Every structure is written in C-alpha cells, then in structure tokens.
Full PDB file with SEQRES, HELIX, SHEET, SSBOND, CRYST1, ORIGX, SCALE, CONECT and MASTER records, all heavy atoms in Angstrom:
SEQRES   1 A   33  GLY GLY THR SER ALA LEU GLN ASP ALA VAL ILE ILE THR          
SEQRES   2 A   33  GLY ALA PRO PHE ALA PHE VAL CYS PHE LEU ALA MET LEU          
SEQRES   3 A   33  SER LEU ILE ARG ASP PHE GLY                                  
HELIX    1 AA1 GLY A    2  GLY A   14  1                                  13    
HELIX    2 AA2 PRO A   16  PHE A   32  1                                  17    
CRYST1    1.000    1.000    1.000  90.00  90.00  90.00 P 1           1          
ORIGX1      1.000000  0.000000  0.000000        0.00000                         
ORIGX2      0.000000  1.000000  0.000000        0.00000                         
ORIGX3      0.000000  0.000000  1.000000        0.00000                         
SCALE1      1.000000  0.000000  0.000000        0.00000                         
SCALE2      0.000000  1.000000  0.000000        0.00000                         
SCALE3      0.000000  0.000000  1.000000        0.00000                         
ATOM      1  N   GLY A   1      -2.367 -28.273  71.970  1.00  0.00           N  
ATOM      2  CA  GLY A   1      -1.959 -27.013  71.367  1.00  0.00           C  
ATOM      3  C   GLY A   1      -2.747 -26.613  70.145  1.00  0.00           C  
ATOM      4  O   GLY A   1      -2.674 -25.475  69.720  1.00  0.00           O  
ATOM      5  N   GLY A   2      -3.513 -27.526  69.542  1.00  0.00           N  
ATOM      6  CA  GLY A   2      -4.202 -27.202  68.304  1.00  0.00           C  
ATOM      7  C   GLY A   2      -5.280 -26.167  68.488  1.00  0.00           C  
ATOM      8  O   GLY A   2      -5.236 -25.078  67.910  1.00  0.00           O  
ATOM      9  N   THR A   3      -6.273 -26.482  69.339  1.00  0.00           N  
ATOM     10  CA  THR A   3      -7.375 -25.561  69.538  1.00  0.00           C  
ATOM     11  C   THR A   3      -6.912 -24.286  70.211  1.00  0.00           C  
ATOM     12  O   THR A   3      -7.328 -23.186  69.834  1.00  0.00           O  
ATOM     13  CB  THR A   3      -8.475 -26.240  70.378  1.00  0.00           C  
ATOM     14  OG1 THR A   3      -8.932 -27.395  69.681  1.00  0.00           O  
ATOM     15  CG2 THR A   3      -9.637 -25.306  70.606  1.00  0.00           C  
ATOM     16  N   SER A   4      -6.024 -24.404  71.209  1.00  0.00           N  
ATOM     17  CA  SER A   4      -5.555 -23.201  71.889  1.00  0.00           C  
ATOM     18  C   SER A   4      -4.819 -22.284  70.926  1.00  0.00           C  
ATOM     19  O   SER A   4      -4.922 -21.060  71.018  1.00  0.00           O  
ATOM     20  CB  SER A   4      -4.647 -23.569  73.063  1.00  0.00           C  
ATOM     21  OG  SER A   4      -3.500 -24.259  72.617  1.00  0.00           O  
ATOM     22  N   ALA A   5      -4.079 -22.870  69.983  1.00  0.00           N  
ATOM     23  CA  ALA A   5      -3.361 -22.045  69.015  1.00  0.00           C  
ATOM     24  C   ALA A   5      -4.327 -21.288  68.120  1.00  0.00           C  
ATOM     25  O   ALA A   5      -4.117 -20.100  67.835  1.00  0.00           O  
ATOM     26  CB  ALA A   5      -2.442 -22.921  68.171  1.00  0.00           C  
ATOM     27  N   LEU A   6      -5.404 -21.953  67.692  1.00  0.00           N  
ATOM     28  CA  LEU A   6      -6.362 -21.248  66.836  1.00  0.00           C  
ATOM     29  C   LEU A   6      -7.169 -20.231  67.630  1.00  0.00           C  
ATOM     30  O   LEU A   6      -7.570 -19.206  67.093  1.00  0.00           O  
ATOM     31  CB  LEU A   6      -7.282 -22.256  66.136  1.00  0.00           C  
ATOM     32  CG  LEU A   6      -6.711 -22.850  64.841  1.00  0.00           C  
ATOM     33  CD1 LEU A   6      -7.757 -23.693  64.134  1.00  0.00           C  
ATOM     34  CD2 LEU A   6      -6.210 -21.768  63.900  1.00  0.00           C  
ATOM     35  N   GLN A   7      -7.400 -20.500  68.909  1.00  0.00           N  
ATOM     36  CA  GLN A   7      -8.051 -19.490  69.749  1.00  0.00           C  
ATOM     37  C   GLN A   7      -7.152 -18.262  69.871  1.00  0.00           C  
ATOM     38  O   GLN A   7      -7.633 -17.124  69.847  1.00  0.00           O  
ATOM     39  CB  GLN A   7      -8.355 -20.077  71.124  1.00  0.00           C  
ATOM     40  CG  GLN A   7      -9.487 -21.091  71.113  1.00  0.00           C  
ATOM     41  CD  GLN A   7      -9.680 -21.741  72.469  1.00  0.00           C  
ATOM     42  OE1 GLN A   7      -9.068 -21.324  73.449  1.00  0.00           O  
ATOM     43  NE2 GLN A   7     -10.504 -22.751  72.533  1.00  0.00           N  
ATOM     44  N   ASP A   8      -5.860 -18.504  70.004  1.00  0.00           N  
ATOM     45  CA  ASP A   8      -4.930 -17.375  70.006  1.00  0.00           C  
ATOM     46  C   ASP A   8      -4.997 -16.626  68.685  1.00  0.00           C  
ATOM     47  O   ASP A   8      -4.938 -15.390  68.651  1.00  0.00           O  
ATOM     48  CB  ASP A   8      -3.499 -17.876  70.240  1.00  0.00           C  
ATOM     49  CG  ASP A   8      -3.290 -18.412  71.652  1.00  0.00           C  
ATOM     50  OD1 ASP A   8      -4.205 -18.227  72.488  1.00  0.00           O  
ATOM     51  OD2 ASP A   8      -2.242 -19.022  71.905  1.00  0.00           O  
ATOM     52  N   ALA A   9      -5.110 -17.375  67.581  1.00  0.00           N  
ATOM     53  CA  ALA A   9      -5.213 -16.733  66.268  1.00  0.00           C  
ATOM     54  C   ALA A   9      -6.473 -15.893  66.177  1.00  0.00           C  
ATOM     55  O   ALA A   9      -6.477 -14.803  65.584  1.00  0.00           O  
ATOM     56  CB  ALA A   9      -5.202 -17.791  65.160  1.00  0.00           C  
ATOM     57  N   VAL A  10      -7.557 -16.385  66.791  1.00  0.00           N  
ATOM     58  CA  VAL A  10      -8.805 -15.623  66.813  1.00  0.00           C  
ATOM     59  C   VAL A  10      -8.616 -14.307  67.560  1.00  0.00           C  
ATOM     60  O   VAL A  10      -9.116 -13.259  67.153  1.00  0.00           O  
ATOM     61  CB  VAL A  10      -9.928 -16.467  67.456  1.00  0.00           C  
ATOM     62  CG1 VAL A  10     -11.135 -15.609  67.777  1.00  0.00           C  
ATOM     63  CG2 VAL A  10     -10.326 -17.601  66.529  1.00  0.00           C  
ATOM     64  N   ILE A  11      -7.858 -14.362  68.668  1.00  0.00           N  
ATOM     65  CA  ILE A  11      -7.580 -13.138  69.423  1.00  0.00           C  
ATOM     66  C   ILE A  11      -6.763 -12.168  68.570  1.00  0.00           C  
ATOM     67  O   ILE A  11      -7.006 -10.961  68.572  1.00  0.00           O  
ATOM     68  CB  ILE A  11      -6.841 -13.474  70.727  1.00  0.00           C  
ATOM     69  CG1 ILE A  11      -7.778 -14.227  71.669  1.00  0.00           C  
ATOM     70  CG2 ILE A  11      -6.306 -12.218  71.395  1.00  0.00           C  
ATOM     71  CD1 ILE A  11      -7.150 -14.650  72.957  1.00  0.00           C  
ATOM     72  N   ILE A  12      -5.815 -12.710  67.815  1.00  0.00           N  
ATOM     73  CA  ILE A  12      -4.986 -11.852  66.962  1.00  0.00           C  
ATOM     74  C   ILE A  12      -5.837 -11.169  65.893  1.00  0.00           C  
ATOM     75  O   ILE A  12      -5.667  -9.981  65.604  1.00  0.00           O  
ATOM     76  CB  ILE A  12      -3.868 -12.687  66.306  1.00  0.00           C  
ATOM     77  CG1 ILE A  12      -2.892 -13.184  67.383  1.00  0.00           C  
ATOM     78  CG2 ILE A  12      -3.116 -11.867  65.260  1.00  0.00           C  
ATOM     79  CD1 ILE A  12      -1.926 -14.235  66.880  1.00  0.00           C  
ATOM     80  N   THR A  13      -6.773 -11.908  65.298  1.00  0.00           N  
ATOM     81  CA  THR A  13      -7.640 -11.297  64.276  1.00  0.00           C  
ATOM     82  C   THR A  13      -8.724 -10.441  64.905  1.00  0.00           C  
ATOM     83  O   THR A  13      -9.213  -9.502  64.277  1.00  0.00           O  
ATOM     84  CB  THR A  13      -8.287 -12.375  63.389  1.00  0.00           C  
ATOM     85  OG1 THR A  13      -9.042 -13.286  64.223  1.00  0.00           O  
ATOM     86  CG2 THR A  13      -7.243 -13.152  62.617  1.00  0.00           C  
ATOM     87  N   GLY A  14      -9.100 -10.764  66.158  1.00  0.00           N  
ATOM     88  CA  GLY A  14     -10.144  -9.981  66.796  1.00  0.00           C  
ATOM     89  C   GLY A  14      -9.666  -8.650  67.321  1.00  0.00           C  
ATOM     90  O   GLY A  14     -10.409  -7.663  67.296  1.00  0.00           O  
ATOM     91  N   ALA A  15      -8.418  -8.588  67.793  1.00  0.00           N  
ATOM     92  CA  ALA A  15      -7.902  -7.351  68.380  1.00  0.00           C  
ATOM     93  C   ALA A  15      -7.988  -6.144  67.436  1.00  0.00           C  
ATOM     94  O   ALA A  15      -8.391  -5.058  67.879  1.00  0.00           O  
ATOM     95  CB  ALA A  15      -6.468  -7.562  68.851  1.00  0.00           C  
ATOM     96  N   PRO A  16      -7.633  -6.291  66.135  1.00  0.00           N  
ATOM     97  CA  PRO A  16      -7.768  -5.129  65.257  1.00  0.00           C  
ATOM     98  C   PRO A  16      -9.199  -4.604  65.161  1.00  0.00           C  
ATOM     99  O   PRO A  16      -9.409  -3.409  64.920  1.00  0.00           O  
ATOM    100  CB  PRO A  16      -7.296  -5.657  63.892  1.00  0.00           C  
ATOM    101  CG  PRO A  16      -6.400  -6.797  64.222  1.00  0.00           C  
ATOM    102  CD  PRO A  16      -6.995  -7.419  65.444  1.00  0.00           C  
ATOM    103  N   PHE A  17     -10.186  -5.479  65.377  1.00  0.00           N  
ATOM    104  CA  PHE A  17     -11.565  -5.031  65.280  1.00  0.00           C  
ATOM    105  C   PHE A  17     -11.981  -4.190  66.476  1.00  0.00           C  
ATOM    106  O   PHE A  17     -13.038  -3.557  66.442  1.00  0.00           O  
ATOM    107  CB  PHE A  17     -12.503  -6.224  65.074  1.00  0.00           C  
ATOM    108  CG  PHE A  17     -12.671  -6.568  63.629  1.00  0.00           C  
ATOM    109  CD1 PHE A  17     -11.871  -7.517  63.032  1.00  0.00           C  
ATOM    110  CD2 PHE A  17     -13.597  -5.900  62.848  1.00  0.00           C  
ATOM    111  CE1 PHE A  17     -11.988  -7.811  61.686  1.00  0.00           C  
ATOM    112  CE2 PHE A  17     -13.729  -6.184  61.509  1.00  0.00           C  
ATOM    113  CZ  PHE A  17     -12.936  -7.140  60.918  1.00  0.00           C  
ATOM    114  N   ALA A  18     -11.165  -4.157  67.544  1.00  0.00           N  
ATOM    115  CA  ALA A  18     -11.422  -3.194  68.607  1.00  0.00           C  
ATOM    116  C   ALA A  18     -11.329  -1.782  68.038  1.00  0.00           C  
ATOM    117  O   ALA A  18     -12.164  -0.918  68.348  1.00  0.00           O  
ATOM    118  CB  ALA A  18     -10.411  -3.385  69.740  1.00  0.00           C  
ATOM    119  N   PHE A  19     -10.355  -1.567  67.190  1.00  0.00           N  
ATOM    120  CA  PHE A  19     -10.170  -0.239  66.596  1.00  0.00           C  
ATOM    121  C   PHE A  19     -11.216   0.025  65.504  1.00  0.00           C  
ATOM    122  O   PHE A  19     -11.651   1.159  65.322  1.00  0.00           O  
ATOM    123  CB  PHE A  19      -8.750  -0.118  66.056  1.00  0.00           C  
ATOM    124  CG  PHE A  19      -7.698  -0.313  67.111  1.00  0.00           C  
ATOM    125  CD1 PHE A  19      -7.095  -1.545  67.294  1.00  0.00           C  
ATOM    126  CD2 PHE A  19      -7.348   0.733  67.954  1.00  0.00           C  
ATOM    127  CE1 PHE A  19      -6.137  -1.735  68.288  1.00  0.00           C  
ATOM    128  CE2 PHE A  19      -6.402   0.556  68.952  1.00  0.00           C  
ATOM    129  CZ  PHE A  19      -5.794  -0.685  69.121  1.00  0.00           C  
ATOM    130  N   VAL A  20     -11.629  -1.024  64.803  1.00  0.00           N  
ATOM    131  CA  VAL A  20     -12.708  -0.868  63.814  1.00  0.00           C  
ATOM    132  C   VAL A  20     -14.000  -0.487  64.535  1.00  0.00           C  
ATOM    133  O   VAL A  20     -14.727   0.419  64.100  1.00  0.00           O  
ATOM    134  CB  VAL A  20     -12.899  -2.157  62.987  1.00  0.00           C  
ATOM    135  CG1 VAL A  20     -14.106  -2.022  62.065  1.00  0.00           C  
ATOM    136  CG2 VAL A  20     -11.647  -2.466  62.179  1.00  0.00           C  
ATOM    137  N   CYS A  21     -14.305  -1.172  65.644  1.00  0.00           N  
ATOM    138  CA  CYS A  21     -15.505  -0.851  66.411  1.00  0.00           C  
ATOM    139  C   CYS A  21     -15.428   0.562  66.983  1.00  0.00           C  
ATOM    140  O   CYS A  21     -16.421   1.296  67.005  1.00  0.00           O  
ATOM    141  CB  CYS A  21     -15.694  -1.857  67.548  1.00  0.00           C  
ATOM    142  SG  CYS A  21     -16.215  -3.496  67.015  1.00  0.00           S  
ATOM    143  N   PHE A  22     -14.237   0.958  67.439  1.00  0.00           N  
ATOM    144  CA  PHE A  22     -14.061   2.316  67.965  1.00  0.00           C  
ATOM    145  C   PHE A  22     -14.285   3.355  66.870  1.00  0.00           C  
ATOM    146  O   PHE A  22     -14.972   4.367  67.079  1.00  0.00           O  
ATOM    147  CB  PHE A  22     -12.661   2.448  68.558  1.00  0.00           C  
ATOM    148  CG  PHE A  22     -12.383   3.787  69.171  1.00  0.00           C  
ATOM    149  CD1 PHE A  22     -13.046   4.190  70.326  1.00  0.00           C  
ATOM    150  CD2 PHE A  22     -11.464   4.663  68.603  1.00  0.00           C  
ATOM    151  CE1 PHE A  22     -12.787   5.431  70.911  1.00  0.00           C  
ATOM    152  CE2 PHE A  22     -11.203   5.897  69.164  1.00  0.00           C  
ATOM    153  CZ  PHE A  22     -11.874   6.279  70.322  1.00  0.00           C  
ATOM    154  N   LEU A  23     -13.743   3.093  65.687  1.00  0.00           N  
ATOM    155  CA  LEU A  23     -13.948   4.011  64.563  1.00  0.00           C  
ATOM    156  C   LEU A  23     -15.407   4.031  64.120  1.00  0.00           C  
ATOM    157  O   LEU A  23     -15.924   5.080  63.698  1.00  0.00           O  
ATOM    158  CB  LEU A  23     -13.042   3.620  63.397  1.00  0.00           C  
ATOM    159  CG  LEU A  23     -11.539   3.818  63.627  1.00  0.00           C  
ATOM    160  CD1 LEU A  23     -10.741   3.270  62.442  1.00  0.00           C  
ATOM    161  CD2 LEU A  23     -11.208   5.285  63.855  1.00  0.00           C  
ATOM    162  N   ALA A  24     -16.084   2.877  64.208  1.00  0.00           N  
ATOM    163  CA  ALA A  24     -17.512   2.837  63.876  1.00  0.00           C  
ATOM    164  C   ALA A  24     -18.301   3.709  64.846  1.00  0.00           C  
ATOM    165  O   ALA A  24     -19.230   4.432  64.436  1.00  0.00           O  
ATOM    166  CB  ALA A  24     -18.015   1.389  63.930  1.00  0.00           C  
ATOM    167  N   MET A  25     -17.945   3.663  66.122  1.00  0.00           N  
ATOM    168  CA  MET A  25     -18.597   4.521  67.114  1.00  0.00           C  
ATOM    169  C   MET A  25     -18.353   5.998  66.798  1.00  0.00           C  
ATOM    170  O   MET A  25     -19.285   6.816  66.827  1.00  0.00           O  
ATOM    171  CB  MET A  25     -18.084   4.185  68.509  1.00  0.00           C  
ATOM    172  CG  MET A  25     -18.700   5.032  69.612  1.00  0.00           C  
ATOM    173  SD  MET A  25     -18.044   4.650  71.263  1.00  0.00           S  
ATOM    174  CE  MET A  25     -16.385   5.328  71.134  1.00  0.00           C  
ATOM    175  N   LEU A  26     -17.105   6.341  66.472  1.00  0.00           N  
ATOM    176  CA  LEU A  26     -16.803   7.734  66.113  1.00  0.00           C  
ATOM    177  C   LEU A  26     -17.540   8.153  64.853  1.00  0.00           C  
ATOM    178  O   LEU A  26     -17.969   9.316  64.735  1.00  0.00           O  
ATOM    179  CB  LEU A  26     -15.296   7.903  65.921  1.00  0.00           C  
ATOM    180  CG  LEU A  26     -14.404   7.713  67.154  1.00  0.00           C  
ATOM    181  CD1 LEU A  26     -12.947   7.975  66.798  1.00  0.00           C  
ATOM    182  CD2 LEU A  26     -14.850   8.631  68.286  1.00  0.00           C  
ATOM    183  N   SER A  27     -17.713   7.227  63.906  1.00  0.00           N  
ATOM    184  CA  SER A  27     -18.449   7.540  62.681  1.00  0.00           C  
ATOM    185  C   SER A  27     -19.895   7.893  62.993  1.00  0.00           C  
ATOM    186  O   SER A  27     -20.458   8.844  62.427  1.00  0.00           O  
ATOM    187  CB  SER A  27     -18.402   6.346  61.720  1.00  0.00           C  
ATOM    188  OG  SER A  27     -17.080   6.075  61.292  1.00  0.00           O  
ATOM    189  N   LEU A  28     -20.507   7.131  63.897  1.00  0.00           N  
ATOM    190  CA  LEU A  28     -21.887   7.429  64.280  1.00  0.00           C  
ATOM    191  C   LEU A  28     -21.973   8.764  65.010  1.00  0.00           C  
ATOM    192  O   LEU A  28     -22.876   9.577  64.740  1.00  0.00           O  
ATOM    193  CB  LEU A  28     -22.428   6.307  65.183  1.00  0.00           C  
ATOM    194  CG  LEU A  28     -22.726   4.971  64.497  1.00  0.00           C  
ATOM    195  CD1 LEU A  28     -23.086   3.918  65.536  1.00  0.00           C  
ATOM    196  CD2 LEU A  28     -23.855   5.113  63.478  1.00  0.00           C  
ATOM    197  N   ILE A  29     -21.045   9.011  65.931  1.00  0.00           N  
ATOM    198  CA  ILE A  29     -21.056  10.282  66.664  1.00  0.00           C  
ATOM    199  C   ILE A  29     -20.914  11.457  65.700  1.00  0.00           C  
ATOM    200  O   ILE A  29     -21.634  12.462  65.802  1.00  0.00           O  
ATOM    201  CB  ILE A  29     -19.928  10.305  67.715  1.00  0.00           C  
ATOM    202  CG1 ILE A  29     -20.195   9.263  68.811  1.00  0.00           C  
ATOM    203  CG2 ILE A  29     -19.777  11.696  68.328  1.00  0.00           C  
ATOM    204  CD1 ILE A  29     -19.054   9.080  69.791  1.00  0.00           C  
ATOM    205  N   ARG A  30     -20.012  11.316  64.751  1.00  0.00           N  
ATOM    206  CA  ARG A  30     -19.779  12.389  63.784  1.00  0.00           C  
ATOM    207  C   ARG A  30     -21.017  12.652  62.945  1.00  0.00           C  
ATOM    208  O   ARG A  30     -21.429  13.799  62.748  1.00  0.00           O  
ATOM    209  CB  ARG A  30     -18.607  12.033  62.880  1.00  0.00           C  
ATOM    210  CG  ARG A  30     -18.253  13.088  61.839  1.00  0.00           C  
ATOM    211  CD  ARG A  30     -17.099  12.639  60.970  1.00  0.00           C  
ATOM    212  NE  ARG A  30     -16.675  13.658  60.027  1.00  0.00           N  
ATOM    213  CZ  ARG A  30     -17.258  13.871  58.856  1.00  0.00           C  
ATOM    214  NH1 ARG A  30     -18.299  13.132  58.506  1.00  0.00           N  
ATOM    215  NH2 ARG A  30     -16.834  14.817  58.047  1.00  0.00           N  
ATOM    216  N   ASP A  31     -21.649  11.573  62.466  1.00  0.00           N  
ATOM    217  CA  ASP A  31     -22.803  11.751  61.587  1.00  0.00           C  
ATOM    218  C   ASP A  31     -24.031  12.214  62.354  1.00  0.00           C  
ATOM    219  O   ASP A  31     -24.759  13.104  61.893  1.00  0.00           O  
ATOM    220  CB  ASP A  31     -23.110  10.439  60.865  1.00  0.00           C  
ATOM    221  CG  ASP A  31     -23.979  10.662  59.645  1.00  0.00           C  
ATOM    222  OD1 ASP A  31     -25.223  10.651  59.772  1.00  0.00           O  
ATOM    223  OD2 ASP A  31     -23.419  10.868  58.555  1.00  0.00           O  
ATOM    224  N   PHE A  32     -24.268  11.653  63.534  1.00  0.00           N  
ATOM    225  CA  PHE A  32     -25.418  12.072  64.334  1.00  0.00           C  
ATOM    226  C   PHE A  32     -25.280  13.535  64.733  1.00  0.00           C  
ATOM    227  O   PHE A  32     -26.243  14.298  64.705  1.00  0.00           O  
ATOM    228  CB  PHE A  32     -25.540  11.205  65.593  1.00  0.00           C  
ATOM    229  CG  PHE A  32     -25.970   9.786  65.329  1.00  0.00           C  
ATOM    230  CD1 PHE A  32     -25.925   8.848  66.353  1.00  0.00           C  
ATOM    231  CD2 PHE A  32     -26.415   9.380  64.082  1.00  0.00           C  
ATOM    232  CE1 PHE A  32     -26.315   7.538  66.128  1.00  0.00           C  
ATOM    233  CE2 PHE A  32     -26.800   8.073  63.842  1.00  0.00           C  
ATOM    234  CZ  PHE A  32     -26.747   7.145  64.872  1.00  0.00           C  
ATOM    235  N   GLY A  33     -24.067  13.928  65.135  1.00  0.00           N  
ATOM    236  CA  GLY A  33     -23.857  15.302  65.528  1.00  0.00           C  
ATOM    237  C   GLY A  33     -23.987  16.283  64.368  1.00  0.00           C  
ATOM    238  O   GLY A  33     -24.395  17.425  64.557  1.00  0.00           O  
TER     239      GLY A  33                                                      
MASTER        0    0    0    2    0    0    0    6  238    1    0    3          
END                                                                             
C-alpha cells in the first residue's frame, strides 16, 4: 500500500494541473489571436 498510496497522491496533485494546462492553452490562444 505504500507506493500505490503515493501514486494515488500523485494523481490527486496531477489532476488539478489538467485545468492549469487547459488554461495555459487558452492563454496562448488569447495572446496569439
């Protein structure tokens, strides 16, 4: 359970960055346009 638990923790911290990456894409689209 040790490594699997920390891998789960990585998923928990990684999921919010889906929205950060999405906002980064929108930032580029906005500025390029």
